Amino acid sequence: MLDKNYNPYEESEIYKTWLEKGYFEASPTPNKKPYTIMIPPPNITDRLHIGHALNNTIQDIFIRYHRMGGYDAL
């Protein structure tokens, strides 16, 4: 069951594991074609809205799709 409120400290062990396994490190592979997404600058109004979540979700989908297709993408 999930807690009513989000507690980022509950993720510390998971994040530690990701760091130890190098999930955030890029190591280019010469025989793979690279794939990159240019992230747009933040909204100047300084307010988050559903468009931000949609944009990040779409970027994540494209990166994952291309990684599964053999591209070198982080």
N, C-alpha and C. Protein backbone atom coordinates (compact mmCIF):
# COMPACT_ATOMS: atom_id res chain seq x y z
N MET A 1 0.84 -1.18 0.00
CA MET A 1 0.00 0.00 0.00
C MET A 1 0.89 1.25 0.00
N LEU A 2 0.51 2.22 -0.78
CA LEU A 2 1.27 3.46 -0.86
C LEU A 2 0.89 4.42 0.26
N ASP A 3 1.87 5.18 0.71
CA ASP A 3 1.59 6.21 1.71
C ASP A 3 0.77 7.31 1.08
N LYS A 4 0.05 8.05 1.92
CA LYS A 4 -0.77 9.15 1.44
C LYS A 4 0.11 10.26 0.84
N ASN A 5 1.25 10.52 1.46
CA ASN A 5 2.15 11.58 1.00
C ASN A 5 3.44 10.96 0.47
N TYR A 6 4.00 11.60 -0.54
CA TYR A 6 5.26 11.15 -1.13
C TYR A 6 6.42 11.46 -0.20
N ASN A 7 7.27 10.47 0.02
CA ASN A 7 8.45 10.63 0.85
C ASN A 7 9.68 10.25 0.02
N PRO A 8 10.44 11.23 -0.46
CA PRO A 8 11.58 10.91 -1.32
C PRO A 8 12.67 10.10 -0.63
N TYR A 9 12.73 10.12 0.69
CA TYR A 9 13.75 9.39 1.41
C TYR A 9 13.56 7.88 1.33
N GLU A 10 12.34 7.45 1.00
CA GLU A 10 12.08 6.03 0.84
C GLU A 10 12.78 5.47 -0.40
N GLU A 11 13.15 6.34 -1.32
CA GLU A 11 13.79 5.91 -2.55
C GLU A 11 15.32 5.93 -2.46
N SER A 12 15.87 6.26 -1.32
CA SER A 12 17.32 6.41 -1.22
C SER A 12 18.07 5.12 -1.53
N GLU A 13 17.56 3.97 -1.12
CA GLU A 13 18.23 2.70 -1.40
C GLU A 13 18.17 2.37 -2.89
N ILE A 14 17.04 2.64 -3.51
CA ILE A 14 16.91 2.39 -4.95
C ILE A 14 17.87 3.29 -5.71
N TYR A 15 17.89 4.57 -5.37
CA TYR A 15 18.77 5.52 -6.05
C TYR A 15 20.24 5.14 -5.86
N LYS A 16 20.58 4.69 -4.66
CA LYS A 16 21.95 4.26 -4.37
C LYS A 16 22.34 3.08 -5.28
N THR A 17 21.43 2.14 -5.45
CA THR A 17 21.67 1.00 -6.33
C THR A 17 21.87 1.46 -7.77
N TRP A 18 21.06 2.40 -8.23
CA TRP A 18 21.19 2.92 -9.60
C TRP A 18 22.55 3.57 -9.80
N LEU A 19 23.01 4.32 -8.79
CA LEU A 19 24.32 4.95 -8.89
C LEU A 19 25.43 3.91 -8.93
N GLU A 20 25.34 2.90 -8.06
CA GLU A 20 26.36 1.85 -8.01
C GLU A 20 26.45 1.07 -9.32
N LYS A 21 25.31 0.86 -9.97
CA LYS A 21 25.29 0.09 -11.21
C LYS A 21 25.59 0.95 -12.44
N GLY A 22 25.76 2.28 -12.24
CA GLY A 22 26.14 3.15 -13.33
C GLY A 22 25.02 3.47 -14.31
N TYR A 23 23.78 3.43 -13.86
CA TYR A 23 22.65 3.67 -14.75
C TYR A 23 22.60 5.10 -15.31
N PHE A 24 23.28 6.04 -14.67
CA PHE A 24 23.27 7.42 -15.12
C PHE A 24 24.54 7.80 -15.88
N GLU A 25 25.38 6.82 -16.17
CA GLU A 25 26.64 7.08 -16.85
C GLU A 25 26.54 6.71 -18.32
N ALA A 26 27.12 7.55 -19.14
CA ALA A 26 27.13 7.28 -20.58
C ALA A 26 28.47 6.68 -20.97
N SER A 27 28.41 5.62 -21.73
CA SER A 27 29.63 5.02 -22.27
C SER A 27 29.37 4.75 -23.75
N PRO A 28 29.76 5.66 -24.61
CA PRO A 28 29.48 5.52 -26.04
C PRO A 28 30.01 4.21 -26.62
N THR A 29 29.22 3.63 -27.48
CA THR A 29 29.58 2.40 -28.16
C THR A 29 29.79 2.73 -29.64
N PRO A 30 31.02 2.57 -30.15
CA PRO A 30 31.32 2.98 -31.53
C PRO A 30 30.47 2.29 -32.60
N ASN A 31 30.04 1.05 -32.38
CA ASN A 31 29.29 0.35 -33.41
C ASN A 31 27.79 0.61 -33.36
N LYS A 32 27.34 1.46 -32.45
CA LYS A 32 25.92 1.79 -32.36
C LYS A 32 25.68 3.22 -32.83
N LYS A 33 24.58 3.41 -33.51
CA LYS A 33 24.20 4.75 -33.95
C LYS A 33 23.64 5.53 -32.74
N PRO A 34 24.10 6.76 -32.52
CA PRO A 34 23.61 7.53 -31.36
C PRO A 34 22.20 8.08 -31.61
N TYR A 35 21.48 8.25 -30.52
CA TYR A 35 20.15 8.89 -30.57
C TYR A 35 20.08 9.89 -29.42
N THR A 36 19.69 11.12 -29.74
CA THR A 36 19.66 12.19 -28.74
C THR A 36 18.37 12.98 -28.87
N ILE A 37 17.86 13.45 -27.75
CA ILE A 37 16.72 14.36 -27.73
C ILE A 37 17.19 15.67 -27.12
N MET A 38 16.90 16.76 -27.79
CA MET A 38 17.22 18.08 -27.24
C MET A 38 16.09 18.47 -26.29
N ILE A 39 16.43 18.71 -25.06
CA ILE A 39 15.42 19.09 -24.07
C ILE A 39 15.19 20.59 -24.16
N PRO A 40 13.93 21.02 -24.29
CA PRO A 40 13.66 22.45 -24.40
C PRO A 40 13.95 23.17 -23.08
N PRO A 41 14.20 24.47 -23.15
CA PRO A 41 14.45 25.23 -21.92
C PRO A 41 13.20 25.25 -21.04
N PRO A 42 13.39 25.49 -19.74
CA PRO A 42 12.23 25.53 -18.84
C PRO A 42 11.28 26.67 -19.17
N ASN A 43 10.07 26.49 -18.72
CA ASN A 43 9.02 27.48 -18.94
C ASN A 43 9.37 28.77 -18.20
N ILE A 44 9.27 29.90 -18.88
CA ILE A 44 9.64 31.17 -18.25
C ILE A 44 8.65 31.62 -17.19
N THR A 45 7.43 31.03 -17.19
CA THR A 45 6.45 31.44 -16.18
C THR A 45 6.74 30.80 -14.83
N ASP A 46 7.63 29.81 -14.80
CA ASP A 46 8.03 29.17 -13.55
C ASP A 46 6.91 28.33 -12.94
N ARG A 47 5.88 28.01 -13.71
CA ARG A 47 4.78 27.21 -13.17
C ARG A 47 4.72 25.87 -13.91
N LEU A 48 4.67 24.80 -13.12
CA LEU A 48 4.56 23.48 -13.72
C LEU A 48 3.11 23.21 -14.09
N HIS A 49 2.91 22.51 -15.20
CA HIS A 49 1.57 22.15 -15.62
C HIS A 49 1.62 20.79 -16.31
N ILE A 50 0.48 20.27 -16.71
CA ILE A 50 0.40 18.92 -17.27
C ILE A 50 1.24 18.80 -18.54
N GLY A 51 1.48 19.89 -19.23
CA GLY A 51 2.31 19.86 -20.43
C GLY A 51 3.73 19.44 -20.15
N HIS A 52 4.25 19.81 -18.98
CA HIS A 52 5.60 19.40 -18.61
C HIS A 52 5.66 17.88 -18.44
N ALA A 53 4.70 17.31 -17.76
CA ALA A 53 4.67 15.86 -17.57
C ALA A 53 4.50 15.16 -18.90
N LEU A 54 3.66 15.68 -19.76
CA LEU A 54 3.45 15.07 -21.08
C LEU A 54 4.73 15.12 -21.90
N ASN A 55 5.40 16.25 -21.90
CA ASN A 55 6.63 16.41 -22.65
C ASN A 55 7.70 15.43 -22.18
N ASN A 56 7.88 15.32 -20.86
CA ASN A 56 8.89 14.40 -20.31
C ASN A 56 8.53 12.95 -20.60
N THR A 57 7.25 12.62 -20.56
CA THR A 57 6.82 11.25 -20.85
C THR A 57 7.11 10.90 -22.30
N ILE A 58 6.81 11.81 -23.21
CA ILE A 58 7.07 11.55 -24.63
C ILE A 58 8.56 11.38 -24.88
N GLN A 59 9.39 12.21 -24.26
CA GLN A 59 10.84 12.07 -24.43
C GLN A 59 11.30 10.70 -23.91
N ASP A 60 10.78 10.28 -22.78
CA ASP A 60 11.16 9.00 -22.20
C ASP A 60 10.76 7.85 -23.13
N ILE A 61 9.57 7.93 -23.71
CA ILE A 61 9.11 6.90 -24.63
C ILE A 61 10.03 6.81 -25.84
N PHE A 62 10.38 7.94 -26.43
CA PHE A 62 11.24 7.93 -27.61
C PHE A 62 12.63 7.37 -27.30
N ILE A 63 13.21 7.77 -26.17
CA ILE A 63 14.52 7.26 -25.79
C ILE A 63 14.48 5.75 -25.57
N ARG A 64 13.49 5.28 -24.84
CA ARG A 64 13.38 3.83 -24.57
C ARG A 64 13.15 3.06 -25.87
N TYR A 65 12.31 3.58 -26.75
CA TYR A 65 12.04 2.92 -28.02
C TYR A 65 13.33 2.76 -28.83
N HIS A 66 14.11 3.82 -28.90
CA HIS A 66 15.34 3.76 -29.68
C HIS A 66 16.41 2.89 -29.01
N ARG A 67 16.45 2.87 -27.70
CA ARG A 67 17.39 1.96 -27.01
C ARG A 67 17.04 0.51 -27.34
N MET A 68 15.75 0.20 -27.33
CA MET A 68 15.33 -1.17 -27.66
C MET A 68 15.63 -1.50 -29.12
N GLY A 69 15.72 -0.47 -29.97
CA GLY A 69 16.03 -0.68 -31.37
C GLY A 69 17.53 -0.72 -31.66
N GLY A 70 18.36 -0.68 -30.63
CA GLY A 70 19.79 -0.81 -30.82
C GLY A 70 20.58 0.48 -30.87
N TYR A 71 19.90 1.61 -30.69
CA TYR A 71 20.61 2.89 -30.68
C TYR A 71 21.35 3.07 -29.37
N ASP A 72 22.35 3.90 -29.39
CA ASP A 72 23.11 4.24 -28.20
C ASP A 72 22.47 5.50 -27.61
N ALA A 73 21.62 5.30 -26.62
CA ALA A 73 20.89 6.42 -26.02
C ALA A 73 20.90 6.26 -24.51
N LEU A 74 21.04 7.37 -23.80
CA LEU A 74 21.03 7.35 -22.33
C LEU A 74 19.77 8.04 -21.86
